[in-house]
PDB file of N, CA and C in Angstrom:
ATOM      1  N   MET A   1      -1.370  -8.247 -36.944  1.00  0.00           N
ATOM      2  CA  MET A   1      -1.946  -8.700 -35.686  1.00  0.00           C
ATOM      3  C   MET A   1      -1.249  -7.980 -34.536  1.00  0.00           C
ATOM      4  N   PHE A   2      -2.054  -7.389 -33.626  1.00  0.00           N
ATOM      5  CA  PHE A   2      -1.505  -6.580 -32.531  1.00  0.00           C
ATOM      6  C   PHE A   2      -0.719  -7.420 -31.535  1.00  0.00           C
ATOM      7  N   PHE A   3      -1.269  -8.557 -31.113  1.00  0.00           N
ATOM      8  CA  PHE A   3      -0.578  -9.444 -30.181  1.00  0.00           C
ATOM      9  C   PHE A   3      -0.014 -10.637 -30.946  1.00  0.00           C
ATOM     10  N   SER A   4       1.276 -10.789 -30.888  1.00  0.00           N
ATOM     11  CA  SER A   4       1.859 -11.980 -31.498  1.00  0.00           C
ATOM     12  C   SER A   4       2.140 -12.985 -30.388  1.00  0.00           C
ATOM     13  N   ILE A   5       2.396 -14.197 -30.772  1.00  0.00           N
ATOM     14  CA  ILE A   5       2.720 -15.248 -29.794  1.00  0.00           C
ATOM     15  C   ILE A   5       3.972 -14.853 -29.013  1.00  0.00           C
ATOM     16  N   LYS A   6       4.937 -14.277 -29.687  1.00  0.00           N
ATOM     17  CA  LYS A   6       6.188 -13.878 -29.040  1.00  0.00           C
ATOM     18  C   LYS A   6       5.919 -12.794 -27.991  1.00  0.00           C
ATOM     19  N   ASN A   7       5.119 -11.772 -28.343  1.00  0.00           N
ATOM     20  CA  ASN A   7       4.810 -10.713 -27.379  1.00  0.00           C
ATOM     21  C   ASN A   7       4.013 -11.252 -26.205  1.00  0.00           C
ATOM     22  N   LEU A   8       3.077 -12.134 -26.461  1.00  0.00           N
ATOM     23  CA  LEU A   8       2.281 -12.723 -25.402  1.00  0.00           C
ATOM     24  C   LEU A   8       3.155 -13.555 -24.469  1.00  0.00           C
ATOM     25  N   SER A   9       4.073 -14.328 -25.022  1.00  0.00           N
ATOM     26  CA  SER A   9       4.984 -15.145 -24.214  1.00  0.00           C
ATOM     27  C   SER A   9       5.883 -14.262 -23.364  1.00  0.00           C
ATOM     28  N   LEU A  10       6.424 -13.210 -23.933  1.00  0.00           N
ATOM     29  CA  LEU A  10       7.278 -12.293 -23.176  1.00  0.00           C
ATOM     30  C   LEU A  10       6.493 -11.604 -22.068  1.00  0.00           C
ATOM     31  N   SER A  11       5.252 -11.239 -22.350  1.00  0.00           N
ATOM     32  CA  SER A  11       4.416 -10.604 -21.336  1.00  0.00           C
ATOM     33  C   SER A  11       4.131 -11.555 -20.184  1.00  0.00           C
ATOM     34  N   LEU A  12       3.818 -12.796 -20.494  1.00  0.00           N
ATOM     35  CA  LEU A  12       3.560 -13.783 -19.438  1.00  0.00           C
ATOM     36  C   LEU A  12       4.795 -14.031 -18.594  1.00  0.00           C
ATOM     37  N   ILE A  13       5.939 -14.108 -19.239  1.00  0.00           N
ATOM     38  CA  ILE A  13       7.199 -14.295 -18.493  1.00  0.00           C
ATOM     39  C   ILE A  13       7.452 -13.088 -17.598  1.00  0.00           C
ATOM     40  N   PHE A  14       7.245 -11.879 -18.130  1.00  0.00           N
ATOM     41  CA  PHE A  14       7.454 -10.664 -17.348  1.00  0.00           C
ATOM     42  C   PHE A  14       6.554 -10.642 -16.113  1.00  0.00           C
ATOM     43  N   PHE A  15       5.259 -10.935 -16.281  1.00  0.00           N
ATOM     44  CA  PHE A  15       4.330 -10.917 -15.154  1.00  0.00           C
ATOM     45  C   PHE A  15       4.640 -12.018 -14.144  1.00  0.00           C
ATOM     46  N   THR A  16       5.089 -13.159 -14.610  1.00  0.00           N
ATOM     47  CA  THR A  16       5.475 -14.230 -13.695  1.00  0.00           C
ATOM     48  C   THR A  16       6.669 -13.801 -12.847  1.00  0.00           C
ATOM     49  N   VAL A  17       7.661 -13.192 -13.486  1.00  0.00           N
ATOM     50  CA  VAL A  17       8.839 -12.704 -12.751  1.00  0.00           C
ATOM     51  C   VAL A  17       8.429 -11.598 -11.788  1.00  0.00           C
ATOM     52  N   LEU A  18       7.564 -10.692 -12.228  1.00  0.00           N
ATOM     53  CA  LEU A  18       7.107  -9.599 -11.377  1.00  0.00           C
ATOM     54  C   LEU A  18       6.372 -10.121 -10.154  1.00  0.00           C
ATOM     55  N   LEU A  19       5.473 -11.075 -10.325  1.00  0.00           N
ATOM     56  CA  LEU A  19       4.743 -11.632  -9.189  1.00  0.00           C
ATOM     57  C   LEU A  19       5.670 -12.377  -8.236  1.00  0.00           C
ATOM     58  N   THR A  20       6.618 -13.107  -8.776  1.00  0.00           N
ATOM     59  CA  THR A  20       7.590 -13.810  -7.933  1.00  0.00           C
ATOM     60  C   THR A  20       8.432 -12.815  -7.156  1.00  0.00           C
ATOM     61  N   TRP A  21       8.881 -11.760  -7.821  1.00  0.00           N
ATOM     62  CA  TRP A  21       9.700 -10.742  -7.162  1.00  0.00           C
ATOM     63  C   TRP A  21       8.901 -10.034  -6.075  1.00  0.00           C
ATOM     64  N   SER A  22       7.627  -9.710  -6.347  1.00  0.00           N
ATOM     65  CA  SER A  22       6.830  -9.003  -5.353  1.00  0.00           C
ATOM     66  C   SER A  22       6.582  -9.885  -4.132  1.00  0.00           C
ATOM     67  N   ASP A  23       6.442 -11.190  -4.324  1.00  0.00           N
ATOM     68  CA  ASP A  23       6.284 -12.085  -3.175  1.00  0.00           C
ATOM     69  C   ASP A  23       7.548 -12.119  -2.332  1.00  0.00           C
ATOM     70  N   CYS A  24       8.704 -12.033  -2.970  1.00  0.00           N
ATOM     71  CA  CYS A  24       9.972 -12.050  -2.228  1.00  0.00           C
ATOM     72  C   CYS A  24      10.191 -10.736  -1.495  1.00  0.00           C
ATOM     73  N   VAL A  25       9.865  -9.619  -2.138  1.00  0.00           N
ATOM     74  CA  VAL A  25      10.107  -8.309  -1.550  1.00  0.00           C
ATOM     75  C   VAL A  25       9.078  -7.995  -0.478  1.00  0.00           C
ATOM     76  N   TYR A  26       7.810  -8.271  -0.749  1.00  0.00           N
ATOM     77  CA  TYR A  26       6.754  -7.973   0.202  1.00  0.00           C
ATOM     78  C   TYR A  26       6.508  -9.191   1.075  1.00  0.00           C
ATOM     79  N   GLU A  27       7.052  -9.140   2.234  1.00  0.00           N
ATOM     80  CA  GLU A  27       6.882 -10.228   3.188  1.00  0.00           C
ATOM     81  C   GLU A  27       5.658  -9.910   4.032  1.00  0.00           C
ATOM     82  N   GLU A  28       4.638 -10.740   3.941  1.00  0.00           N
ATOM     83  CA  GLU A  28       3.413 -10.477   4.683  1.00  0.00           C
ATOM     84  C   GLU A  28       3.705 -10.584   6.182  1.00  0.00           C
ATOM     85  N   ARG A  29       3.430  -9.516   6.883  1.00  0.00           N
ATOM     86  CA  ARG A  29       3.714  -9.498   8.319  1.00  0.00           C
ATOM     87  C   ARG A  29       2.525  -8.890   9.052  1.00  0.00           C
ATOM     88  N   THR A  30       2.462  -9.145  10.311  1.00  0.00           N
ATOM     89  CA  THR A  30       1.409  -8.614  11.154  1.00  0.00           C
ATOM     90  C   THR A  30       2.034  -7.688  12.182  1.00  0.00           C
ATOM     91  N   VAL A  31       1.442  -6.520  12.344  1.00  0.00           N
ATOM     92  CA  VAL A  31       1.890  -5.556  13.344  1.00  0.00           C
ATOM     93  C   VAL A  31       0.951  -5.664  14.536  1.00  0.00           C
ATOM     94  N   VAL A  32       1.512  -5.754  15.723  1.00  0.00           N
ATOM     95  CA  VAL A  32       0.720  -5.828  16.950  1.00  0.00           C
ATOM     96  C   VAL A  32       0.923  -4.531  17.721  1.00  0.00           C
ATOM     97  N   VAL A  33      -0.186  -3.878  18.068  1.00  0.00           N
ATOM     98  CA  VAL A  33      -0.151  -2.651  18.869  1.00  0.00           C
ATOM     99  C   VAL A  33      -0.716  -3.000  20.232  1.00  0.00           C
ATOM    100  N   GLN A  34       0.053  -2.729  21.277  1.00  0.00           N
ATOM    101  CA  GLN A  34      -0.381  -3.036  22.631  1.00  0.00           C
ATOM    102  C   GLN A  34      -0.362  -1.743  23.444  1.00  0.00           C
ATOM    103  N   ILE A  35      -1.495  -1.432  24.075  1.00  0.00           N
ATOM    104  CA  ILE A  35      -1.628  -0.218  24.876  1.00  0.00           C
ATOM    105  C   ILE A  35      -1.885  -0.625  26.318  1.00  0.00           C
ATOM    106  N   SER A  36      -1.063  -0.111  27.222  1.00  0.00           N
ATOM    107  CA  SER A  36      -1.167  -0.447  28.645  1.00  0.00           C
ATOM    108  C   SER A  36      -1.558   0.788  29.448  1.00  0.00           C
ATOM    109  N   ASN A  37      -2.335   0.567  30.497  1.00  0.00           N
ATOM    110  CA  ASN A  37      -2.704   1.650  31.412  1.00  0.00           C
ATOM    111  C   ASN A  37      -1.864   1.526  32.671  1.00  0.00           C
ATOM    112  N   ASN A  38      -0.885   2.415  32.790  1.00  0.00           N
ATOM    113  CA  ASN A  38      -0.048   2.485  33.994  1.00  0.00           C
ATOM    114  C   ASN A  38      -0.090   3.900  34.563  1.00  0.00           C
ATOM    115  N   ILE A  39      -1.228   4.576  34.396  1.00  0.00           N
ATOM    116  CA  ILE A  39      -1.335   5.987  34.806  1.00  0.00           C
ATOM    117  C   ILE A  39      -1.411   6.096  36.321  1.00  0.00           C
ATOM    118  N   SER A  40      -2.477   5.585  36.915  1.00  0.00           N
ATOM    119  CA  SER A  40      -2.609   5.550  38.377  1.00  0.00           C
ATOM    120  C   SER A  40      -3.708   4.555  38.724  1.00  0.00           C
ATOM    121  N   GLN A  41      -3.741   4.114  39.957  1.00  0.00           N
ATOM    122  CA  GLN A  41      -4.655   3.040  40.347  1.00  0.00           C
ATOM    123  C   GLN A  41      -6.126   3.397  40.172  1.00  0.00           C
ATOM    124  N   ALA A  42      -6.503   4.615  40.346  1.00  0.00           N
ATOM    125  CA  ALA A  42      -7.918   4.986  40.282  1.00  0.00           C
ATOM    126  C   ALA A  42      -8.321   5.537  38.910  1.00  0.00           C
ATOM    127  N   THR A  43      -7.454   5.393  37.911  1.00  0.00           N
ATOM    128  CA  THR A  43      -7.712   6.018  36.617  1.00  0.00           C
ATOM    129  C   THR A  43      -7.885   4.985  35.515  1.00  0.00           C
ATOM    130  N   ASP A  44      -9.025   5.046  34.835  1.00  0.00           N
ATOM    131  CA  ASP A  44      -9.245   4.230  33.640  1.00  0.00           C
ATOM    132  C   ASP A  44      -8.760   5.005  32.423  1.00  0.00           C
ATOM    133  N   LEU A  45      -8.273   4.295  31.448  1.00  0.00           N
ATOM    134  CA  LEU A  45      -7.818   4.889  30.197  1.00  0.00           C
ATOM    135  C   LEU A  45      -8.802   4.511  29.099  1.00  0.00           C
ATOM    136  N   MET A  46      -9.376   5.516  28.430  1.00  0.00           N
ATOM    137  CA  MET A  46     -10.275   5.241  27.314  1.00  0.00           C
ATOM    138  C   MET A  46      -9.500   5.461  26.018  1.00  0.00           C
ATOM    139  N   VAL A  47      -9.553   4.456  25.139  1.00  0.00           N
ATOM    140  CA  VAL A  47      -8.801   4.476  23.886  1.00  0.00           C
ATOM    141  C   VAL A  47      -9.759   4.240  22.732  1.00  0.00           C
ATOM    142  N   HIS A  48      -9.619   5.049  21.686  1.00  0.00           N
ATOM    143  CA  HIS A  48     -10.413   4.862  20.465  1.00  0.00           C
ATOM    144  C   HIS A  48      -9.446   4.919  19.290  1.00  0.00           C
ATOM    145  N   CYS A  49      -9.235   3.763  18.628  1.00  0.00           N
ATOM    146  CA  CYS A  49      -8.289   3.665  17.518  1.00  0.00           C
ATOM    147  C   CYS A  49      -9.027   3.421  16.216  1.00  0.00           C
ATOM    148  N   LYS A  50      -8.513   4.044  15.142  1.00  0.00           N
ATOM    149  CA  LYS A  50      -9.094   3.823  13.825  1.00  0.00           C
ATOM    150  C   LYS A  50      -8.082   4.150  12.743  1.00  0.00           C
ATOM    151  N   SER A  51      -8.346   3.571  11.590  1.00  0.00           N
ATOM    152  CA  SER A  51      -7.571   3.872  10.389  1.00  0.00           C
ATOM    153  C   SER A  51      -8.549   4.426   9.359  1.00  0.00           C
ATOM    154  N   LYS A  52      -8.058   4.642   8.160  1.00  0.00           N
ATOM    155  CA  LYS A  52      -8.927   5.120   7.086  1.00  0.00           C
ATOM    156  C   LYS A  52     -10.053   4.115   6.809  1.00  0.00           C
ATOM    157  N   ASP A  53      -9.749   2.825   6.949  1.00  0.00           N
ATOM    158  CA  ASP A  53     -10.698   1.771   6.598  1.00  0.00           C
ATOM    159  C   ASP A  53     -11.374   1.093   7.781  1.00  0.00           C
ATOM    160  N   ASP A  54     -10.760   1.117   8.940  1.00  0.00           N
ATOM    161  CA  ASP A  54     -11.275   0.368  10.094  1.00  0.00           C
ATOM    162  C   ASP A  54     -11.417   1.262  11.313  1.00  0.00           C
ATOM    163  N   ASP A  55     -12.579   1.164  11.971  1.00  0.00           N
ATOM    164  CA  ASP A  55     -12.809   1.842  13.242  1.00  0.00           C
ATOM    165  C   ASP A  55     -12.915   0.750  14.300  1.00  0.00           C
ATOM    166  N   LEU A  56     -11.974   0.723  15.221  1.00  0.00           N
ATOM    167  CA  LEU A  56     -11.929  -0.343  16.225  1.00  0.00           C
ATOM    168  C   LEU A  56     -12.801  -0.052  17.432  1.00  0.00           C
ATOM    169  N   GLY A  57     -13.415   1.119  17.487  1.00  0.00           N
ATOM    170  CA  GLY A  57     -14.317   1.457  18.578  1.00  0.00           C
ATOM    171  C   GLY A  57     -13.570   1.925  19.816  1.00  0.00           C
ATOM    172  N   ALA A  58     -14.351   2.339  20.808  1.00  0.00           N
ATOM    173  CA  ALA A  58     -13.785   2.818  22.074  1.00  0.00           C
ATOM    174  C   ALA A  58     -13.605   1.644  23.036  1.00  0.00           C
ATOM    175  N   HIS A  59     -12.519   1.674  23.764  1.00  0.00           N
ATOM    176  CA  HIS A  59     -12.213   0.629  24.747  1.00  0.00           C
ATOM    177  C   HIS A  59     -11.748   1.288  26.031  1.00  0.00           C
ATOM    178  N   VAL A  60     -12.242   0.771  27.150  1.00  0.00           N
ATOM    179  CA  VAL A  60     -11.827   1.264  28.463  1.00  0.00           C
ATOM    180  C   VAL A  60     -10.829   0.270  29.031  1.00  0.00           C
ATOM    181  N   ILE A  61      -9.657   0.789  29.378  1.00  0.00           N
ATOM    182  CA  ILE A  61      -8.593  -0.061  29.926  1.00  0.00           C
ATOM    183  C   ILE A  61      -8.412   0.306  31.395  1.00  0.00           C
ATOM    184  N   PRO A  62      -8.771  -0.592  32.314  1.00  0.00           N
ATOM    185  CA  PRO A  62      -8.541  -0.327  33.734  1.00  0.00           C
ATOM    186  C   PRO A  62      -7.040  -0.280  34.053  1.00  0.00           C
ATOM    187  N   PHE A  63      -6.724   0.285  35.199  1.00  0.00           N
ATOM    188  CA  PHE A  63      -5.325   0.366  35.631  1.00  0.00           C
ATOM    189  C   PHE A  63      -4.674  -1.017  35.625  1.00  0.00           C
ATOM    190  N   SER A  64      -3.445  -1.069  35.181  1.00  0.00           N
ATOM    191  CA  SER A  64      -2.617  -2.272  35.174  1.00  0.00           C
ATOM    192  C   SER A  64      -3.099  -3.332  34.168  1.00  0.00           C
ATOM    193  N   ASN A  65      -3.926  -2.926  33.218  1.00  0.00           N
ATOM    194  CA  ASN A  65      -4.371  -3.830  32.166  1.00  0.00           C
ATOM    195  C   ASN A  65      -3.884  -3.333  30.809  1.00  0.00           C
ATOM    196  N   THR A  66      -4.025  -4.199  29.818  1.00  0.00           N
ATOM    197  CA  THR A  66      -3.627  -3.832  28.461  1.00  0.00           C
ATOM    198  C   THR A  66      -4.739  -4.194  27.486  1.00  0.00           C
ATOM    199  N   TRP A  67      -4.684  -3.559  26.337  1.00  0.00           N
ATOM    200  CA  TRP A  67      -5.559  -3.876  25.210  1.00  0.00           C
ATOM    201  C   TRP A  67      -4.687  -3.882  23.976  1.00  0.00           C
ATOM    202  N   GLN A  68      -4.954  -4.792  23.075  1.00  0.00           N
ATOM    203  CA  GLN A  68      -4.128  -4.855  21.875  1.00  0.00           C
ATOM    204  C   GLN A  68      -4.967  -5.139  20.641  1.00  0.00           C
ATOM    205  N   PHE A  69      -4.405  -4.745  19.484  1.00  0.00           N
ATOM    206  CA  PHE A  69      -5.004  -5.080  18.200  1.00  0.00           C
ATOM    207  C   PHE A  69      -3.867  -5.337  17.222  1.00  0.00           C
ATOM    208  N   HIS A  70      -4.200  -5.977  16.129  1.00  0.00           N
ATOM    209  CA  HIS A  70      -3.191  -6.273  15.121  1.00  0.00           C
ATOM    210  C   HIS A  70      -3.737  -5.972  13.733  1.00  0.00           C
ATOM    211  N   PHE A  71      -2.823  -5.715  12.825  1.00  0.00           N
ATOM    212  CA  PHE A  71      -3.205  -5.451  11.440  1.00  0.00           C
ATOM    213  C   PHE A  71      -2.051  -5.827  10.526  1.00  0.00           C
ATOM    214  N   ARG A  72      -2.394  -5.973   9.258  1.00  0.00           N
ATOM    215  CA  ARG A  72      -1.379  -6.219   8.233  1.00  0.00           C
ATOM    216  C   ARG A  72      -1.211  -4.942   7.420  1.00  0.00           C
ATOM    217  N   PRO A  73       0.004  -4.413   7.355  1.00  0.00           N
ATOM    218  CA  PRO A  73       0.224  -3.195   6.560  1.00  0.00           C
ATOM    219  C   PRO A  73      -0.086  -3.443   5.089  1.00  0.00           C
ATOM    220  N   ASN A  74      -0.451  -2.369   4.398  1.00  0.00           N
ATOM    221  CA  ASN A  74      -0.698  -2.499   2.963  1.00  0.00           C
ATOM    222  C   ASN A  74       0.616  -2.747   2.221  1.00  0.00           C
ATOM    223  N   PHE A  75       0.534  -2.965   0.929  1.00  0.00           N
ATOM    224  CA  PHE A  75       1.712  -3.318   0.118  1.00  0.00           C
ATOM    225  C   PHE A  75       2.828  -2.290   0.245  1.00  0.00           C
ATOM    226  N   TRP A  76       2.467  -1.008   0.318  1.00  0.00           N
ATOM    227  CA  TRP A  76       3.471   0.053   0.379  1.00  0.00           C
ATOM    228  C   TRP A  76       3.963   0.325   1.795  1.00  0.00           C
ATOM    229  N   GLY A  77       3.371  -0.293   2.788  1.00  0.00           N
ATOM    230  CA  GLY A  77       3.789  -0.092   4.178  1.00  0.00           C
ATOM    231  C   GLY A  77       3.352   1.250   4.742  1.00  0.00           C
ATOM    232  N   THR A  78       2.263   1.800   4.216  1.00  0.00           N
ATOM    233  CA  THR A  78       1.823   3.125   4.653  1.00  0.00           C
ATOM    234  C   THR A  78       0.533   3.082   5.469  1.00  0.00           C
ATOM    235  N   THR A  79       0.157   1.943   5.997  1.00  0.00           N
ATOM    236  CA  THR A  79      -1.057   1.837   6.808  1.00  0.00           C
ATOM    237  C   THR A  79      -0.886   2.655   8.081  1.00  0.00           C
ATOM    238  N   LEU A  80      -1.860   3.512   8.368  1.00  0.00           N
ATOM    239  CA  LEU A  80      -1.804   4.369   9.554  1.00  0.00           C
ATOM    240  C   LEU A  80      -3.007   4.126  10.443  1.00  0.00           C
ATOM    241  N   TYR A  81      -2.775   4.044  11.741  1.00  0.00           N
ATOM    242  CA  TYR A  81      -3.835   4.013  12.734  1.00  0.00           C
ATOM    243  C   TYR A  81      -3.643   5.214  13.641  1.00  0.00           C
ATOM    244  N   PHE A  82      -4.747   5.808  14.042  1.00  0.00           N
ATOM    245  CA  PHE A  82      -4.715   6.924  14.966  1.00  0.00           C
ATOM    246  C   PHE A  82      -5.486   6.517  16.206  1.00  0.00           C
ATOM    247  N   CYS A  83      -4.933   6.815  17.384  1.00  0.00           N
ATOM    248  CA  CYS A  83      -5.590   6.469  18.633  1.00  0.00           C
ATOM    249  C   CYS A  83      -5.758   7.708  19.493  1.00  0.00           C
ATOM    250  N   LYS A  84      -6.987   7.947  19.920  1.00  0.00           N
ATOM    251  CA  LYS A  84      -7.288   9.044  20.850  1.00  0.00           C
ATOM    252  C   LYS A  84      -7.372   8.422  22.231  1.00  0.00           C
ATOM    253  N   MET A  85      -6.683   9.033  23.180  1.00  0.00           N
ATOM    254  CA  MET A  85      -6.667   8.509  24.555  1.00  0.00           C
ATOM    255  C   MET A  85      -7.139   9.591  25.521  1.00  0.00           C
ATOM    256  N   VAL A  86      -8.053   9.193  26.403  1.00  0.00           N
ATOM    257  CA  VAL A  86      -8.603  10.111  27.400  1.00  0.00           C
ATOM    258  C   VAL A  86      -8.517   9.424  28.752  1.00  0.00           C
ATOM    259  N   TRP A  87      -8.080  10.195  29.765  1.00  0.00           N
ATOM    260  CA  TRP A  87      -8.048   9.671  31.126  1.00  0.00           C
ATOM    261  C   TRP A  87      -8.439  10.734  32.111  1.00  0.00           C
TER     262      TRP A  87
END
């Protein structure tokens, strides 16, 4: 028999420990990105942010205002957002 009770029990224990360890190591957190327009009084800032999976669209930020978004990084912490800014 390929799977014995002993191997199955050891596998379940291993996966339980692995899941517990990953919950301890990977702390779910939220990253907040805040973009402010402090260029000049007569200048609007246009911002377009996106990642591989999400396109947040274009946003116009008037002088002395801010715009923000938040995201949760992936398990490996390699989530990237790119923002194009035009003024």
